[in-house]
Amino acid sequence: MKLELAILYEQYAKECWLYAFSLTKDAALAEDLVSEAFYQLVKSLDNLTKDMIKFWLLRVIKNRYLDEQRQKKRWQMTSFEQAKSQVILNSSASPLEQLLHSEKKNRLYQALYLLSAPERELLYLFYFLDWPTKEIAAFTNLSLGQVKIKMYRSRQKLKEILQDETTKF
């Protein structure tokens, strides 16, 4: 049991943390959500099949996050400066390249934060976690067509935000 749990943790912990961070914008809270999900996994491992585990963990993270949000009755977002500190730059790049890369990421993160939570979630699952649209549809309880339409609209909204930002300068 311990060995199996260790293997599952090694396999899914990073993806779970990234998903939790995309929801919370808080590294510590993301760690708490992942810990809670794996604790629940220990209690439910006998009832799950191997192919269900990843979706189950992410669902637990999302449900626990939504429960906390309902209790707080307000939306908490990490400040942009805290999110920026999470960006890890490639140390082999020149300082100018690092700065440009950082600025592009900063603009993208700022624009993503302007999207609604469902829009941001779809784009995050697709682009940051490289999930296929079929898995996103299953995870979000949407049809494949709905996912594609919502992702298209979210990308358009993101594009408009980024274009509006560049016209300000």
C-alpha atoms as a PDB file:
ATOM      1  CA  MET A   1       0.000   0.000   0.000  1.00  0.00           C
ATOM      2  CA  LYS A   2       2.777   2.481   0.947  1.00  0.00           C
ATOM      3  CA  LEU A   3       4.749   1.664  -2.182  1.00  0.00           C
ATOM      4  CA  GLU A   4       1.688   2.013  -4.399  1.00  0.00           C
ATOM      5  CA  LEU A   5       0.811   5.362  -2.812  1.00  0.00           C
ATOM      6  CA  ALA A   6       4.390   6.580  -3.237  1.00  0.00           C
ATOM      7  CA  ILE A   7       4.284   5.659  -6.918  1.00  0.00           C
ATOM      8  CA  LEU A   8       0.944   7.428  -7.367  1.00  0.00           C
ATOM      9  CA  TYR A   9       2.258  10.490  -5.561  1.00  0.00           C
ATOM     10  CA  GLU A  10       5.363  10.557  -7.758  1.00  0.00           C
ATOM     11  CA  GLN A  11       3.175  10.213 -10.859  1.00  0.00           C
ATOM     12  CA  TYR A  12       0.452  12.773 -10.077  1.00  0.00           C
ATOM     13  CA  ALA A  13       1.637  15.220  -7.399  1.00  0.00           C
ATOM     14  CA  LYS A  14       3.196  17.793  -9.730  1.00  0.00           C
ATOM     15  CA  GLU A  15       0.216  17.907 -12.061  1.00  0.00           C
ATOM     16  CA  CYS A  16      -2.144  18.118  -9.084  1.00  0.00           C
ATOM     17  CA  TRP A  17      -0.153  20.976  -7.573  1.00  0.00           C
ATOM     18  CA  LEU A  18      -0.077  22.875 -10.864  1.00  0.00           C
ATOM     19  CA  TYR A  19      -3.826  22.460 -11.216  1.00  0.00           C
ATOM     20  CA  ALA A  20      -4.418  23.530  -7.615  1.00  0.00           C
ATOM     21  CA  PHE A  21      -2.162  26.554  -8.098  1.00  0.00           C
ATOM     22  CA  SER A  22      -4.072  27.507 -11.245  1.00  0.00           C
ATOM     23  CA  LEU A  23      -7.221  27.610  -9.127  1.00  0.00           C
ATOM     24  CA  THR A  24      -5.867  29.258  -5.996  1.00  0.00           C
ATOM     25  CA  LYS A  25      -2.952  31.454  -7.156  1.00  0.00           C
ATOM     26  CA  ASP A  26      -1.428  30.553  -3.773  1.00  0.00           C
ATOM     27  CA  ALA A  27       1.410  28.029  -3.511  1.00  0.00           C
ATOM     28  CA  ALA A  28       0.733  27.142   0.133  1.00  0.00           C
ATOM     29  CA  LEU A  29      -2.981  26.652  -0.429  1.00  0.00           C
ATOM     30  CA  ALA A  30      -2.216  24.558  -3.509  1.00  0.00           C
ATOM     31  CA  GLU A  31      -0.011  22.315  -1.375  1.00  0.00           C
ATOM     32  CA  ASP A  32      -2.794  21.988   1.184  1.00  0.00           C
ATOM     33  CA  LEU A  33      -5.303  21.000  -1.487  1.00  0.00           C
ATOM     34  CA  VAL A  34      -2.935  18.390  -2.918  1.00  0.00           C
ATOM     35  CA  SER A  35      -2.275  16.992   0.551  1.00  0.00           C
ATOM     36  CA  GLU A  36      -6.004  16.770   1.198  1.00  0.00           C
ATOM     37  CA  ALA A  37      -6.567  15.036  -2.139  1.00  0.00           C
ATOM     38  CA  PHE A  38      -3.904  12.415  -1.445  1.00  0.00           C
ATOM     39  CA  TYR A  39      -5.254  11.914   2.069  1.00  0.00           C
ATOM     40  CA  GLN A  40      -8.678  11.247   0.555  1.00  0.00           C
ATOM     41  CA  LEU A  41      -7.007   8.927  -1.952  1.00  0.00           C
ATOM     42  CA  VAL A  42      -5.585   6.815   0.872  1.00  0.00           C
ATOM     43  CA  LYS A  43      -9.100   6.389   2.234  1.00  0.00           C
ATOM     44  CA  SER A  44     -10.630   5.596  -1.182  1.00  0.00           C
ATOM     45  CA  LEU A  45      -7.851   3.771  -3.013  1.00  0.00           C
ATOM     46  CA  ASP A  46      -9.573   0.377  -2.842  1.00  0.00           C
ATOM     47  CA  ASN A  47     -12.644   1.764  -4.636  1.00  0.00           C
ATOM     48  CA  LEU A  48     -10.786   3.325  -7.571  1.00  0.00           C
ATOM     49  CA  THR A  49      -9.387   1.859 -10.740  1.00  0.00           C
ATOM     50  CA  LYS A  50      -5.960   2.927 -11.987  1.00  0.00           C
ATOM     51  CA  ASP A  51      -7.366   4.965 -14.907  1.00  0.00           C
ATOM     52  CA  MET A  52      -9.721   6.916 -12.610  1.00  0.00           C
ATOM     53  CA  ILE A  53      -7.118   8.120 -10.127  1.00  0.00           C
ATOM     54  CA  LYS A  54      -5.870  11.249 -11.933  1.00  0.00           C
ATOM     55  CA  PHE A  55      -9.361  12.581 -12.634  1.00  0.00           C
ATOM     56  CA  TRP A  56     -10.468  11.655  -9.130  1.00  0.00           C
ATOM     57  CA  LEU A  57      -7.570  13.558  -7.528  1.00  0.00           C
ATOM     58  CA  LEU A  58      -8.202  16.654  -9.630  1.00  0.00           C
ATOM     59  CA  ARG A  59     -11.915  16.490  -8.873  1.00  0.00           C
ATOM     60  CA  VAL A  60     -11.189  16.309  -5.136  1.00  0.00           C
ATOM     61  CA  ILE A  61      -8.891  19.330  -5.448  1.00  0.00           C
ATOM     62  CA  LYS A  62     -11.511  21.304  -7.341  1.00  0.00           C
ATOM     63  CA  ASN A  63     -14.346  20.348  -4.988  1.00  0.00           C
ATOM     64  CA  ARG A  64     -12.288  21.144  -1.889  1.00  0.00           C
ATOM     65  CA  TYR A  65     -11.289  24.483  -3.394  1.00  0.00           C
ATOM     66  CA  LEU A  66     -14.921  25.321  -4.199  1.00  0.00           C
ATOM     67  CA  ASP A  67     -15.934  24.342  -0.656  1.00  0.00           C
ATOM     68  CA  GLU A  68     -13.375  26.756   0.770  1.00  0.00           C
ATOM     69  CA  GLN A  69     -14.531  29.507  -1.554  1.00  0.00           C
ATOM     70  CA  ARG A  70     -18.126  29.015  -0.475  1.00  0.00           C
ATOM     71  CA  GLN A  71     -17.072  29.251   3.160  1.00  0.00           C
ATOM     72  CA  LYS A  72     -15.082  32.437   2.605  1.00  0.00           C
ATOM     73  CA  LYS A  73     -17.719  33.881   0.254  1.00  0.00           C
ATOM     74  CA  ARG A  74     -15.159  35.825  -1.677  1.00  0.00           C
ATOM     75  CA  TRP A  75     -12.716  35.221  -4.462  1.00  0.00           C
ATOM     76  CA  GLN A  76      -9.056  35.307  -3.454  1.00  0.00           C
ATOM     77  CA  MET A  77      -6.364  35.871  -6.007  1.00  0.00           C
ATOM     78  CA  THR A  78      -2.663  36.060  -5.519  1.00  0.00           C
ATOM     79  CA  SER A  79      -1.183  39.419  -6.283  1.00  0.00           C
ATOM     80  CA  PHE A  80       0.556  39.674  -9.590  1.00  0.00           C
ATOM     81  CA  GLU A  81       3.914  40.071  -7.850  1.00  0.00           C
ATOM     82  CA  GLN A  82       3.473  36.729  -6.057  1.00  0.00           C
ATOM     83  CA  ALA A  83       2.513  34.974  -9.282  1.00  0.00           C
ATOM     84  CA  LYS A  84       5.501  36.525 -10.994  1.00  0.00           C
ATOM     85  CA  SER A  85       7.781  35.069  -8.334  1.00  0.00           C
ATOM     86  CA  GLN A  86       6.582  31.593  -9.308  1.00  0.00           C
ATOM     87  CA  VAL A  87       8.061  31.985 -12.790  1.00  0.00           C
ATOM     88  CA  ILE A  88      11.334  30.134 -13.169  1.00  0.00           C
ATOM     89  CA  LEU A  89      13.589  31.548 -15.824  1.00  0.00           C
ATOM     90  CA  ASN A  90      15.994  29.579 -17.956  1.00  0.00           C
ATOM     91  CA  SER A  91      19.428  30.290 -16.500  1.00  0.00           C
ATOM     92  CA  SER A  92      21.217  29.593 -19.803  1.00  0.00           C
ATOM     93  CA  ALA A  93      19.512  32.543 -21.507  1.00  0.00           C
ATOM     94  CA  SER A  94      21.074  35.982 -21.587  1.00  0.00           C
ATOM     95  CA  PRO A  95      19.738  38.595 -19.154  1.00  0.00           C
ATOM     96  CA  LEU A  96      17.965  40.383 -21.999  1.00  0.00           C
ATOM     97  CA  GLU A  97      16.334  37.145 -23.172  1.00  0.00           C
ATOM     98  CA  GLN A  98      15.304  36.391 -19.587  1.00  0.00           C
ATOM     99  CA  LEU A  99      13.790  39.845 -19.231  1.00  0.00           C
ATOM    100  CA  LEU A 100      11.845  39.573 -22.497  1.00  0.00           C
ATOM    101  CA  HIS A 101      10.663  36.076 -21.621  1.00  0.00           C
ATOM    102  CA  SER A 102       9.628  37.265 -18.175  1.00  0.00           C
ATOM    103  CA  GLU A 103       7.734  40.251 -19.585  1.00  0.00           C
ATOM    104  CA  LYS A 104       5.849  38.062 -22.059  1.00  0.00           C
ATOM    105  CA  LYS A 105       4.882  35.650 -19.297  1.00  0.00           C
ATOM    106  CA  ASN A 106       3.851  38.520 -17.045  1.00  0.00           C
ATOM    107  CA  ARG A 107       1.557  39.941 -19.717  1.00  0.00           C
ATOM    108  CA  LEU A 108       0.073  36.502 -20.336  1.00  0.00           C
ATOM    109  CA  TYR A 109      -0.513  35.888 -16.612  1.00  0.00           C
ATOM    110  CA  GLN A 110      -2.114  39.309 -16.199  1.00  0.00           C
ATOM    111  CA  ALA A 111      -4.400  38.640 -19.142  1.00  0.00           C
ATOM    112  CA  LEU A 112      -5.302  35.169 -17.865  1.00  0.00           C
ATOM    113  CA  TYR A 113      -6.306  36.630 -14.503  1.00  0.00           C
ATOM    114  CA  LEU A 114      -8.784  38.889 -16.295  1.00  0.00           C
ATOM    115  CA  LEU A 115     -10.663  35.864 -17.638  1.00  0.00           C
ATOM    116  CA  SER A 116     -13.385  34.202 -15.606  1.00  0.00           C
ATOM    117  CA  ALA A 117     -12.438  31.125 -13.575  1.00  0.00           C
ATOM    118  CA  PRO A 118     -14.093  28.630 -15.990  1.00  0.00           C
ATOM    119  CA  GLU A 119     -12.405  30.245 -18.998  1.00  0.00           C
ATOM    120  CA  ARG A 120      -9.043  30.267 -17.274  1.00  0.00           C
ATOM    121  CA  GLU A 121      -9.475  26.641 -16.158  1.00  0.00           C
ATOM    122  CA  LEU A 122     -10.108  25.365 -19.699  1.00  0.00           C
ATOM    123  CA  LEU A 123      -7.110  27.187 -21.123  1.00  0.00           C
ATOM    124  CA  TYR A 124      -4.912  26.085 -18.251  1.00  0.00           C
ATOM    125  CA  LEU A 125      -5.825  22.402 -18.625  1.00  0.00           C
ATOM    126  CA  PHE A 126      -5.252  22.525 -22.374  1.00  0.00           C
ATOM    127  CA  TYR A 127      -2.133  24.663 -22.671  1.00  0.00           C
ATOM    128  CA  PHE A 128      -0.309  24.249 -19.370  1.00  0.00           C
ATOM    129  CA  LEU A 129      -1.145  20.629 -18.556  1.00  0.00           C
ATOM    130  CA  ASP A 130      -1.425  19.482 -22.208  1.00  0.00           C
ATOM    131  CA  TRP A 131      -4.730  17.713 -21.698  1.00  0.00           C
ATOM    132  CA  PRO A 132      -6.631  16.609 -24.789  1.00  0.00           C
ATOM    133  CA  THR A 133     -10.059  18.155 -25.206  1.00  0.00           C
ATOM    134  CA  LYS A 134     -11.747  14.800 -24.580  1.00  0.00           C
ATOM    135  CA  GLU A 135     -10.200  14.611 -21.107  1.00  0.00           C
ATOM    136  CA  ILE A 136     -11.143  18.223 -20.411  1.00  0.00           C
ATOM    137  CA  ALA A 137     -14.719  17.476 -21.436  1.00  0.00           C
ATOM    138  CA  ALA A 138     -14.871  14.469 -19.125  1.00  0.00           C
ATOM    139  CA  PHE A 139     -13.330  16.394 -16.245  1.00  0.00           C
ATOM    140  CA  THR A 140     -15.555  19.469 -16.570  1.00  0.00           C
ATOM    141  CA  ASN A 141     -18.748  17.533 -17.351  1.00  0.00           C
ATOM    142  CA  LEU A 142     -19.131  19.402 -20.637  1.00  0.00           C
ATOM    143  CA  SER A 143     -19.623  17.947 -24.086  1.00  0.00           C
ATOM    144  CA  LEU A 144     -16.660  17.940 -26.441  1.00  0.00           C
ATOM    145  CA  GLY A 145     -18.393  20.586 -28.566  1.00  0.00           C
ATOM    146  CA  GLN A 146     -19.000  22.820 -25.555  1.00  0.00           C
ATOM    147  CA  VAL A 147     -15.350  22.561 -24.546  1.00  0.00           C
ATOM    148  CA  LYS A 148     -14.171  23.501 -28.025  1.00  0.00           C
ATOM    149  CA  ILE A 149     -16.567  26.443 -28.237  1.00  0.00           C
ATOM    150  CA  LYS A 150     -15.711  27.721 -24.758  1.00  0.00           C
ATOM    151  CA  MET A 151     -11.981  27.367 -25.455  1.00  0.00           C
ATOM    152  CA  TYR A 152     -12.351  29.241 -28.730  1.00  0.00           C
ATOM    153  CA  ARG A 153     -14.230  32.059 -27.016  1.00  0.00           C
ATOM    154  CA  SER A 154     -11.722  32.130 -24.154  1.00  0.00           C
ATOM    155  CA  ARG A 155      -8.816  32.363 -26.603  1.00  0.00           C
ATOM    156  CA  GLN A 156     -10.574  35.178 -28.438  1.00  0.00           C
ATOM    157  CA  LYS A 157     -11.150  37.034 -25.185  1.00  0.00           C
ATOM    158  CA  LEU A 158      -7.514  36.501 -24.197  1.00  0.00           C
ATOM    159  CA  LYS A 159      -6.389  37.746 -27.599  1.00  0.00           C
ATOM    160  CA  GLU A 160      -8.523  40.882 -27.238  1.00  0.00           C
ATOM    161  CA  ILE A 161      -7.110  41.543 -23.773  1.00  0.00           C
ATOM    162  CA  LEU A 162      -3.542  41.169 -25.012  1.00  0.00           C
ATOM    163  CA  GLN A 163      -4.205  43.351 -28.071  1.00  0.00           C
ATOM    164  CA  ASP A 164      -5.839  46.056 -25.935  1.00  0.00           C
ATOM    165  CA  GLU A 165      -2.810  45.987 -23.676  1.00  0.00           C
ATOM    166  CA  THR A 166      -0.381  46.509 -26.549  1.00  0.00           C
ATOM    167  CA  THR A 167      -2.390  49.431 -27.954  1.00  0.00           C
ATOM    168  CA  LYS A 168      -2.143  51.254 -24.607  1.00  0.00           C
ATOM    169  CA  PHE A 169       1.579  51.718 -25.128  1.00  0.00           C
END
